[in-house]
Amino acid sequence: MIISSWNLNSVRARHNRLLSWLERNEPDVLCLQELKATTENFPALEVRQRGYYAVVHGQRTYNGVAILSRTEPQDVIVGMPGRDDDQARLIGAKISGIHVICAYFPNGGNMKSDKYHYKLDWMKRLRAHLEAHFDPSHDNVVLCGDYNVAPFDDDVARPDEWGNTVLAHHTVRTALDEIADFGLDDVVRPFFPRGGMHTWWDYRGMGFERGNGLRIDHIFATRDLAKTTVGARVDRTEREGKGASDHAPVLAEFDTPFSS
């Protein structure tokens, strides 16, 4: 079973790229972030014509998440119930016996901004959301998405440049550790133990061309499921060329049959 995650940075701008990528890679599940489109404007029909169902939590201009699956998703959960929040950043569904959660963590702006406090609070609420809905000792859970956190220094091409930012500061790394302590393992990192495999490069300053990247897009899974991971990769080629997102897709393969 192949589960993938990709921050599209606008489904409208990368509509054709999305459809082409699905045809070339044929994942069983694809989690999408930063749709920058309402649910009604998501190309669900064209995605369905390529063999995928879609559940979407869209938002005009900003945010927006979706899960695409070759079988119809069940038990869909939209957002994090219990608190008013107009930012469309979370959607979950049960697919082939696995609870798949697609998350677009807040960026955080800068260390002194209210946006950073919101980011830390959002991450705390995500941990509570996991505890409220799942038991890691019994449920198979996959948390995919743009976490906007680089967990280790070697996940950052230039740690001196990024170490005191909202993407790599020790406070946000600690917040991610607290989410992982729910019972989740990073299933991509073991395949790149020395780091250096990045998923995001800033458009500004030609980050991709200069190799100034960070690994901030992740796939975490509950431990029994994580043990079945047989491969993982980052599709850097999708970051190349005109009109690319600033993120590359991440894929993980599990030795688990995909079924309806």
Protein backbone atom coordinates (compact mmCIF):
# COMPACT_ATOMS: atom_id res chain seq x y z
CA MET A 1 0.00 0.00 0.00
CA ILE A 2 1.43 3.36 -1.04
CA ILE A 3 0.45 6.45 0.94
CA SER A 4 1.67 9.84 -0.23
CA SER A 5 1.52 13.49 0.78
CA TRP A 6 1.96 16.69 -1.21
CA ASN A 7 1.56 20.38 -0.49
CA LEU A 8 0.27 21.59 -3.86
CA ASN A 9 0.39 25.30 -3.04
CA SER A 10 -2.81 25.86 -5.07
CA VAL A 11 -4.79 23.12 -6.79
CA ARG A 12 -5.87 25.59 -9.43
CA ALA A 13 -2.32 26.55 -10.34
CA ARG A 14 -1.19 22.91 -10.36
CA HIS A 15 -4.35 21.22 -11.57
CA ASN A 16 -2.67 19.50 -14.55
CA ARG A 17 0.40 18.60 -12.53
CA LEU A 18 -1.79 16.84 -9.97
CA LEU A 19 -3.61 14.76 -12.59
CA SER A 20 -0.38 13.85 -14.38
CA TRP A 21 1.32 12.91 -11.13
CA LEU A 22 -1.52 10.60 -10.17
CA GLU A 23 -1.32 8.83 -13.52
CA ARG A 24 2.46 8.38 -13.29
CA ASN A 25 2.71 7.29 -9.67
CA GLU A 26 -0.65 5.60 -8.92
CA PRO A 27 -0.53 5.87 -5.10
CA ASP A 28 -3.30 4.18 -3.17
CA VAL A 29 -3.78 7.31 -1.08
CA LEU A 30 -2.69 10.91 -1.63
CA CYS A 31 -3.03 13.59 1.02
CA LEU A 32 -3.01 17.15 -0.30
CA GLN A 33 -2.41 20.42 1.52
CA GLU A 34 -2.69 24.13 0.78
CA LEU A 35 -5.40 23.73 -1.85
CA LYS A 36 -6.18 27.45 -1.85
CA ALA A 37 -9.63 26.62 -3.21
CA THR A 38 -13.11 25.98 -1.87
CA THR A 39 -14.44 22.45 -1.66
CA GLU A 40 -16.74 23.19 -4.61
CA ASN A 41 -13.80 24.27 -6.77
CA PHE A 42 -11.73 21.13 -6.19
CA PRO A 43 -11.48 19.04 -9.41
CA ALA A 44 -13.24 16.04 -7.85
CA LEU A 45 -14.78 14.84 -11.11
CA GLU A 46 -11.47 14.76 -12.97
CA VAL A 47 -9.82 13.04 -10.03
CA ARG A 48 -12.64 10.47 -10.00
CA GLN A 49 -12.16 9.87 -13.73
CA ARG A 50 -8.60 8.85 -12.89
CA GLY A 51 -9.79 6.30 -10.34
CA TYR A 52 -9.77 8.30 -7.11
CA TYR A 53 -12.42 9.32 -4.65
CA ALA A 54 -11.84 12.65 -2.89
CA VAL A 55 -12.87 14.05 0.47
CA VAL A 56 -12.12 17.75 0.69
CA HIS A 57 -12.02 20.47 3.32
CA GLY A 58 -11.41 23.51 1.16
CA GLN A 59 -10.92 27.19 1.80
CA ARG A 60 -10.77 30.18 -0.48
CA THR A 61 -7.31 31.77 -0.92
CA TYR A 62 -5.61 29.99 1.98
CA ASN A 63 -5.23 26.51 3.49
CA GLY A 64 -7.43 23.61 2.38
CA VAL A 65 -6.78 19.86 2.64
CA ALA A 66 -7.97 16.75 0.83
CA ILE A 67 -7.57 12.99 0.82
CA LEU A 68 -7.65 11.05 -2.45
CA SER A 69 -8.12 7.29 -2.35
CA ARG A 70 -8.62 4.44 -4.82
CA THR A 71 -11.44 3.19 -2.56
CA GLU A 72 -14.16 5.34 -1.10
CA PRO A 73 -13.08 6.86 2.24
CA GLN A 74 -15.22 6.09 5.28
CA ASP A 75 -15.78 7.73 8.68
CA VAL A 76 -14.68 11.16 7.48
CA ILE A 77 -13.71 13.68 10.17
CA VAL A 78 -13.39 17.32 9.11
CA GLY A 79 -11.37 19.70 11.27
CA MET A 80 -10.79 19.39 14.99
CA PRO A 81 -14.17 19.54 16.74
CA GLY A 82 -14.54 21.43 19.98
CA ARG A 83 -13.10 24.82 19.11
CA ASP A 84 -14.04 27.51 16.65
CA ASP A 85 -11.34 27.74 14.00
CA ASP A 86 -11.95 29.01 10.49
CA GLN A 87 -8.72 27.61 9.07
CA ALA A 88 -9.20 24.46 6.96
CA ARG A 89 -6.18 22.45 8.04
CA LEU A 90 -7.28 18.92 8.95
CA ILE A 91 -9.30 16.09 7.45
CA GLY A 92 -9.32 12.39 8.24
CA ALA A 93 -10.90 9.20 6.88
CA LYS A 94 -10.69 5.44 7.27
CA ILE A 95 -9.23 3.78 4.20
CA SER A 96 -8.49 0.09 3.86
CA GLY A 97 -8.55 -0.31 7.65
CA ILE A 98 -6.19 2.62 8.23
CA HIS A 99 -7.16 5.95 9.74
CA VAL A 100 -5.53 8.47 7.40
CA ILE A 101 -5.19 12.05 8.66
CA CYS A 102 -4.17 14.85 6.32
CA ALA A 103 -2.78 17.86 8.15
CA TYR A 104 -1.53 21.27 7.12
CA PHE A 105 0.25 22.63 10.20
CA PRO A 106 0.40 26.42 10.54
CA ASN A 107 3.62 28.01 9.35
CA GLY A 108 3.92 30.31 12.33
CA GLY A 109 5.14 33.48 10.65
CA ASN A 110 8.00 34.53 12.91
CA MET A 111 9.05 33.65 16.44
CA LYS A 112 7.58 36.82 17.96
CA SER A 113 4.25 36.77 16.17
CA ASP A 114 0.80 35.67 17.31
CA LYS A 115 0.90 33.22 14.41
CA TYR A 116 3.66 31.28 16.15
CA HIS A 117 1.60 31.00 19.33
CA TYR A 118 -1.30 29.81 17.18
CA LYS A 119 0.98 27.19 15.61
CA LEU A 120 2.04 25.80 19.00
CA ASP A 121 -1.56 25.82 20.23
CA TRP A 122 -2.74 24.09 17.04
CA MET A 123 -0.16 21.36 17.51
CA LYS A 124 -1.25 20.89 21.12
CA ARG A 125 -4.87 20.59 19.97
CA LEU A 126 -3.83 18.03 17.34
CA ARG A 127 -2.31 15.84 20.04
CA ALA A 128 -5.56 16.08 22.02
CA HIS A 129 -7.53 15.27 18.85
CA LEU A 130 -5.51 12.10 18.32
CA GLU A 131 -6.08 11.02 21.91
CA ALA A 132 -9.81 11.68 21.64
CA HIS A 133 -10.33 9.57 18.51
CA PHE A 134 -7.71 6.82 18.39
CA ASP A 135 -5.93 4.20 20.48
CA PRO A 136 -2.40 3.70 19.13
CA SER A 137 -2.23 0.22 20.61
CA HIS A 138 -5.22 -0.91 18.52
CA ASP A 139 -5.77 1.55 15.67
CA ASN A 140 -3.61 1.89 12.59
CA VAL A 141 -3.17 5.64 12.09
CA VAL A 142 -1.17 7.57 9.49
CA LEU A 143 -0.58 11.31 9.91
CA CYS A 144 0.45 12.85 6.58
CA GLY A 145 1.09 16.41 5.69
CA ASP A 146 3.06 19.59 5.66
CA TYR A 147 4.06 19.81 9.31
CA ASN A 148 6.07 23.01 8.81
CA VAL A 149 8.67 21.47 11.15
CA ALA A 150 12.13 20.12 10.34
CA PRO A 151 12.75 17.62 13.18
CA PHE A 152 16.56 17.45 13.05
CA ASP A 153 19.43 19.70 12.06
CA ASP A 154 20.37 17.36 9.23
CA ASP A 155 16.86 17.80 7.84
CA VAL A 156 17.95 21.37 7.09
CA ALA A 157 20.49 22.22 4.42
CA ARG A 158 21.68 25.29 6.34
CA PRO A 159 20.96 24.88 10.07
CA ASP A 160 22.67 28.14 10.99
CA GLU A 161 20.25 29.99 8.72
CA TRP A 162 17.07 28.21 9.80
CA GLY A 163 17.74 27.07 13.38
CA ASN A 164 16.06 30.03 15.08
CA THR A 165 13.02 30.14 12.80
CA VAL A 166 9.48 28.83 13.18
CA LEU A 167 10.41 25.78 11.08
CA ALA A 168 13.34 24.48 13.13
CA HIS A 169 13.44 26.14 16.56
CA HIS A 170 13.68 23.75 19.52
CA THR A 171 10.25 24.82 20.81
CA VAL A 172 8.44 23.68 17.69
CA ARG A 173 10.52 20.50 17.55
CA THR A 174 9.48 19.77 21.13
CA ALA A 175 5.84 20.33 20.15
CA LEU A 176 6.26 17.79 17.35
CA ASP A 177 7.88 15.32 19.76
CA GLU A 178 4.79 15.61 21.95
CA ILE A 179 2.58 14.70 19.00
CA ALA A 180 4.83 11.74 18.16
CA ASP A 181 4.69 10.60 21.80
CA PHE A 182 1.04 9.73 21.16
CA GLY A 183 2.52 6.64 19.52
CA LEU A 184 3.67 7.70 16.06
CA ASP A 185 6.92 7.01 14.20
CA ASP A 186 8.42 8.91 11.30
CA VAL A 187 8.36 6.28 8.53
CA VAL A 188 10.46 8.25 6.04
CA ARG A 189 13.47 9.15 8.19
CA PRO A 190 14.78 5.54 8.57
CA PHE A 191 15.38 5.41 4.81
CA PHE A 192 17.52 8.56 4.97
CA PRO A 193 19.38 8.13 8.28
CA ARG A 194 21.98 10.75 7.41
CA GLY A 195 19.40 13.36 6.53
CA GLY A 196 19.81 15.58 3.52
CA MET A 197 16.52 14.59 1.90
CA HIS A 198 14.48 17.78 1.70
CA THR A 199 10.85 18.37 0.72
CA TRP A 200 10.55 22.16 0.58
CA TRP A 201 12.63 24.89 -1.01
CA ASP A 202 11.67 28.56 -0.75
CA TYR A 203 10.82 30.23 -4.04
CA ARG A 204 12.59 33.31 -2.74
CA GLY A 205 16.32 33.33 -3.30
CA MET A 206 16.13 30.32 -5.65
CA GLY A 207 16.15 27.88 -2.76
CA PHE A 208 15.81 24.79 -4.93
CA GLU A 209 18.52 25.81 -7.36
CA ARG A 210 20.86 26.63 -4.47
CA GLY A 211 20.07 23.43 -2.56
CA ASN A 212 18.69 25.38 0.40
CA GLY A 213 15.95 22.97 1.44
CA LEU A 214 14.25 21.57 4.55
CA ARG A 215 12.37 18.35 5.28
CA ILE A 216 9.06 19.66 6.61
CA ASP A 217 6.61 17.28 4.86
CA HIS A 218 6.16 14.01 6.70
CA ILE A 219 4.40 10.69 7.03
CA PHE A 220 4.10 9.38 10.60
CA ALA A 221 2.36 6.13 11.53
CA THR A 222 1.41 4.21 14.63
CA ARG A 223 4.17 1.81 15.58
CA ASP A 224 2.77 -1.53 14.44
CA LEU A 225 1.96 -0.06 11.05
CA ALA A 226 5.28 1.78 10.86
CA LYS A 227 7.10 -1.53 11.24
CA THR A 228 5.60 -2.66 7.92
CA THR A 229 7.15 0.23 5.97
CA VAL A 230 9.25 -1.19 3.13
CA GLY A 231 10.24 2.00 1.34
CA ALA A 232 9.99 5.78 1.22
CA ARG A 233 11.05 8.50 -1.17
CA VAL A 234 10.73 12.16 -2.04
CA ASP A 235 9.79 12.93 -5.64
CA ARG A 236 12.25 15.78 -6.23
CA THR A 237 11.52 15.78 -9.96
CA GLU A 238 8.06 17.24 -9.25
CA ARG A 239 9.77 20.29 -7.75
CA GLU A 240 11.52 20.98 -11.05
CA GLY A 241 10.37 23.06 -13.98
CA LYS A 242 8.01 25.95 -14.55
CA GLY A 243 4.92 26.05 -12.39
CA ALA A 244 6.09 23.59 -9.73
CA SER A 245 4.91 23.76 -6.15
CA ASP A 246 7.56 24.78 -3.63
CA HIS A 247 7.08 21.33 -2.05
CA ALA A 248 7.90 17.87 -3.41
CA PRO A 249 5.61 14.86 -2.87
CA VAL A 250 6.55 12.31 -0.21
CA LEU A 251 5.66 8.62 -0.60
CA ALA A 252 5.81 5.67 1.78
CA GLU A 253 5.09 2.04 0.97
CA PHE A 254 3.68 -0.33 3.56
CA ASP A 255 3.68 -4.11 3.36
CA THR A 256 -0.06 -4.01 3.92
CA PRO A 257 -2.63 -5.00 1.29
CA PHE A 258 -4.86 -2.25 -0.05
CA SER A 259 -8.51 -3.28 -0.07
CA SER A 260 -11.98 -1.73 0.04
